[in-house]
Amino acid sequence: MNKRLIARAHRIRLAIFDVDGVLTDGALYLNERGEEMKAFNILDGLGLKMLSASGVVTALLSGRKSKMVALRAKEIGITHLLQGAGDKLEAYHRLLRKLDLAEEETSFMGDDLQDLPVLRRCGLAFSVPNAPEIVRSHVHYVTRAPGGQGAAREACEFLMHARGTLENQMRSYLA
């Protein structure tokens, strides 16, 4: 691991994740009644739970509003859910004020243009390989896994590994 990335990861107290294109593959599924459906990767859910258990607060920040996202957030214990954020930077700063955190104490994982304002200001920026080049060029770490296929898990494990908490989080599964 790069020493500068490890130093950035050590400062992270809040990890924020976009939803569509990060926790999902970015596809929108609508049934005949116009109800939205989303597919979430189980690997990401456990990664977010482990990251939270390791002492890093987790949050979701989405420009869209979805019942499915609220259900998934509740299921995996995410307490900070910001949906329908037309201005992600404003929502991000509102959360930082609420939690009394500085930008350098946060990480954000996004995948598209509307994520750039937060990605460019947070302490550690993550993206996915299928994000546009302009987005990938403004982050510190691009995952190997695509969005919706374990990318968030990879970011969570990166943070825990850099902070020295990954082994402890995996210990209960290795007993």
Protein backbone atom coordinates (compact mmCIF):
# COMPACT_ATOMS: atom_id res chain seq x y z
CA MET A 1 0.00 0.00 0.00
CA ASN A 2 1.12 3.51 -0.79
CA LYS A 3 2.28 5.36 2.38
CA ARG A 4 0.30 8.48 1.48
CA LEU A 5 -2.89 6.46 1.07
CA ILE A 6 -2.28 4.71 4.39
CA ALA A 7 -1.82 8.09 6.08
CA ARG A 8 -5.07 9.33 4.54
CA ALA A 9 -6.89 6.15 5.61
CA HIS A 10 -5.71 6.54 9.21
CA ARG A 11 -7.56 9.85 9.46
CA ILE A 12 -10.91 8.48 8.21
CA ARG A 13 -13.72 8.51 10.76
CA LEU A 14 -16.63 8.62 8.29
CA ALA A 15 -16.94 6.57 5.09
CA ILE A 16 -19.65 7.69 2.68
CA PHE A 17 -20.86 5.71 -0.33
CA ASP A 18 -22.91 6.68 -3.35
CA VAL A 19 -25.57 4.09 -4.22
CA ASP A 20 -26.29 3.77 -7.95
CA GLY A 21 -23.14 2.65 -9.73
CA VAL A 22 -21.29 1.93 -6.46
CA LEU A 23 -23.53 -0.30 -4.32
CA THR A 24 -25.44 -1.32 -7.46
CA ASP A 25 -24.32 -1.87 -11.02
CA GLY A 26 -26.05 1.37 -12.00
CA ALA A 27 -28.94 -0.29 -13.82
CA LEU A 28 -32.44 0.90 -12.92
CA TYR A 29 -35.10 -1.81 -12.87
CA LEU A 30 -38.76 -0.78 -13.05
CA ASN A 31 -41.68 -3.18 -12.88
CA GLU A 32 -44.97 -2.73 -14.75
CA ARG A 33 -46.34 -0.58 -11.88
CA GLY A 34 -43.36 1.76 -12.14
CA GLU A 35 -41.87 0.49 -8.87
CA GLU A 36 -38.11 0.60 -8.70
CA MET A 37 -36.03 -2.46 -7.87
CA LYS A 38 -32.31 -2.58 -7.13
CA ALA A 39 -29.84 -5.41 -6.78
CA PHE A 40 -27.28 -5.07 -3.97
CA ASN A 41 -24.19 -7.23 -3.59
CA ILE A 42 -24.03 -9.17 -0.33
CA LEU A 43 -20.23 -8.72 -0.19
CA ASP A 44 -20.67 -4.95 0.02
CA GLY A 45 -23.19 -5.27 2.84
CA LEU A 46 -20.86 -7.30 5.02
CA GLY A 47 -17.97 -4.97 4.21
CA LEU A 48 -20.01 -1.97 5.37
CA LYS A 49 -21.02 -3.82 8.57
CA MET A 50 -17.40 -4.75 9.30
CA LEU A 51 -16.17 -1.21 8.62
CA SER A 52 -18.77 0.17 11.01
CA ALA A 53 -17.84 -2.41 13.65
CA SER A 54 -14.21 -1.35 13.26
CA GLY A 55 -15.10 2.16 14.43
CA VAL A 56 -15.67 4.02 11.17
CA VAL A 57 -19.10 5.64 10.83
CA THR A 58 -20.79 4.76 7.52
CA ALA A 59 -23.24 6.76 5.42
CA LEU A 60 -25.00 6.61 2.06
CA LEU A 61 -25.31 9.70 -0.11
CA SER A 62 -27.54 9.44 -3.17
CA GLY A 63 -29.03 11.91 -5.60
CA ARG A 64 -32.03 9.63 -6.00
CA LYS A 65 -34.60 8.64 -3.41
CA SER A 66 -35.58 5.00 -3.13
CA LYS A 67 -37.46 2.82 -0.64
CA MET A 68 -35.11 -0.01 -1.60
CA VAL A 69 -32.08 2.01 -0.47
CA ALA A 70 -33.75 2.87 2.84
CA LEU A 71 -34.52 -0.82 3.42
CA ARG A 72 -30.97 -1.88 2.55
CA ALA A 73 -29.46 0.83 4.77
CA LYS A 74 -31.58 -0.31 7.71
CA GLU A 75 -30.73 -3.96 7.05
CA ILE A 76 -26.97 -3.35 7.19
CA GLY A 77 -27.07 -0.82 10.04
CA ILE A 78 -26.31 2.42 8.18
CA THR A 79 -27.56 5.25 10.37
CA HIS A 80 -26.76 8.20 8.12
CA LEU A 81 -28.83 8.02 4.94
CA LEU A 82 -28.90 11.08 2.68
CA GLN A 83 -31.25 10.53 -0.27
CA GLY A 84 -32.60 12.87 -2.90
CA ALA A 85 -29.52 15.05 -2.57
CA GLY A 86 -29.68 17.30 -5.62
CA ASP A 87 -26.56 19.03 -4.32
CA LYS A 88 -24.34 16.30 -2.91
CA LEU A 89 -21.72 18.76 -1.69
CA GLU A 90 -24.26 20.65 0.40
CA ALA A 91 -25.63 17.39 1.87
CA TYR A 92 -22.04 16.24 2.57
CA HIS A 93 -21.18 19.46 4.42
CA ARG A 94 -24.44 19.27 6.38
CA LEU A 95 -23.48 15.76 7.57
CA LEU A 96 -19.96 16.91 8.48
CA ARG A 97 -21.40 19.73 10.59
CA LYS A 98 -23.80 17.31 12.28
CA LEU A 99 -20.98 14.90 13.14
CA ASP A 100 -18.42 17.66 13.83
CA LEU A 101 -15.93 16.23 11.34
CA ALA A 102 -13.45 17.82 8.93
CA GLU A 103 -13.28 16.90 5.24
CA GLU A 104 -9.94 15.11 5.71
CA GLU A 105 -11.64 12.75 8.20
CA THR A 106 -13.98 11.44 5.51
CA SER A 107 -13.82 9.10 2.56
CA PHE A 108 -16.30 9.05 -0.29
CA MET A 109 -16.88 6.51 -3.02
CA GLY A 110 -18.65 7.77 -6.14
CA ASP A 111 -18.86 6.95 -9.81
CA ASP A 112 -20.17 9.88 -11.85
CA LEU A 113 -19.96 13.60 -12.47
CA GLN A 114 -22.36 14.63 -9.69
CA ASP A 115 -19.98 12.95 -7.22
CA LEU A 116 -16.96 15.03 -8.23
CA PRO A 117 -17.52 17.95 -5.82
CA VAL A 118 -17.39 15.58 -2.83
CA LEU A 119 -14.67 13.35 -4.29
CA ARG A 120 -12.45 16.39 -4.78
CA ARG A 121 -12.83 17.55 -1.15
CA CYS A 122 -12.92 14.42 1.00
CA GLY A 123 -9.82 13.00 2.65
CA LEU A 124 -9.78 9.75 0.65
CA ALA A 125 -11.69 9.39 -2.63
CA PHE A 126 -12.63 6.03 -4.14
CA SER A 127 -14.23 5.16 -7.47
CA VAL A 128 -14.98 2.15 -9.64
CA PRO A 129 -13.27 1.06 -12.87
CA ASN A 130 -16.41 1.62 -14.93
CA ALA A 131 -16.66 5.30 -13.88
CA PRO A 132 -15.94 7.92 -16.55
CA GLU A 133 -12.24 8.82 -16.94
CA ILE A 134 -12.82 12.33 -15.57
CA VAL A 135 -14.07 10.81 -12.31
CA ARG A 136 -11.29 8.23 -12.07
CA SER A 137 -8.72 10.98 -12.62
CA HIS A 138 -9.89 12.82 -9.48
CA VAL A 139 -9.76 9.95 -6.97
CA HIS A 140 -7.03 8.41 -4.86
CA TYR A 141 -8.05 4.78 -5.39
CA VAL A 142 -9.94 2.97 -8.17
CA THR A 143 -11.19 -0.45 -7.15
CA ARG A 144 -10.60 -3.55 -9.23
CA ALA A 145 -14.23 -4.64 -8.74
CA PRO A 146 -16.94 -2.79 -10.67
CA GLY A 147 -19.84 -1.06 -8.99
CA GLY A 148 -22.39 -3.50 -7.61
CA GLN A 149 -19.90 -6.36 -7.75
CA GLY A 150 -17.91 -5.93 -4.54
CA ALA A 151 -16.37 -2.49 -5.14
CA ALA A 152 -17.62 -1.09 -1.83
CA ARG A 153 -16.33 -4.19 -0.03
CA GLU A 154 -12.91 -3.60 -1.59
CA ALA A 155 -12.91 0.01 -0.36
CA CYS A 156 -14.03 -1.08 3.13
CA GLU A 157 -11.29 -3.70 3.32
CA PHE A 158 -8.73 -1.19 2.07
CA LEU A 159 -9.69 1.21 4.88
CA MET A 160 -9.65 -1.52 7.52
CA HIS A 161 -6.34 -2.95 6.29
CA ALA A 162 -4.69 0.49 6.27
CA ARG A 163 -6.07 1.24 9.75
CA GLY A 164 -4.99 -2.17 11.10
CA THR A 165 -8.52 -3.37 11.90
CA LEU A 166 -9.21 -5.87 9.10
CA GLU A 167 -7.68 -8.90 10.81
CA ASN A 168 -9.71 -8.27 13.97
CA GLN A 169 -12.93 -7.97 11.93
CA MET A 170 -12.22 -11.26 10.15
CA ARG A 171 -11.19 -13.12 13.30
CA SER A 172 -14.74 -14.16 14.26
CA TYR A 173 -15.25 -15.75 10.83
CA LEU A 174 -12.01 -17.73 11.08
CA ALA A 175 -12.74 -19.30 14.49
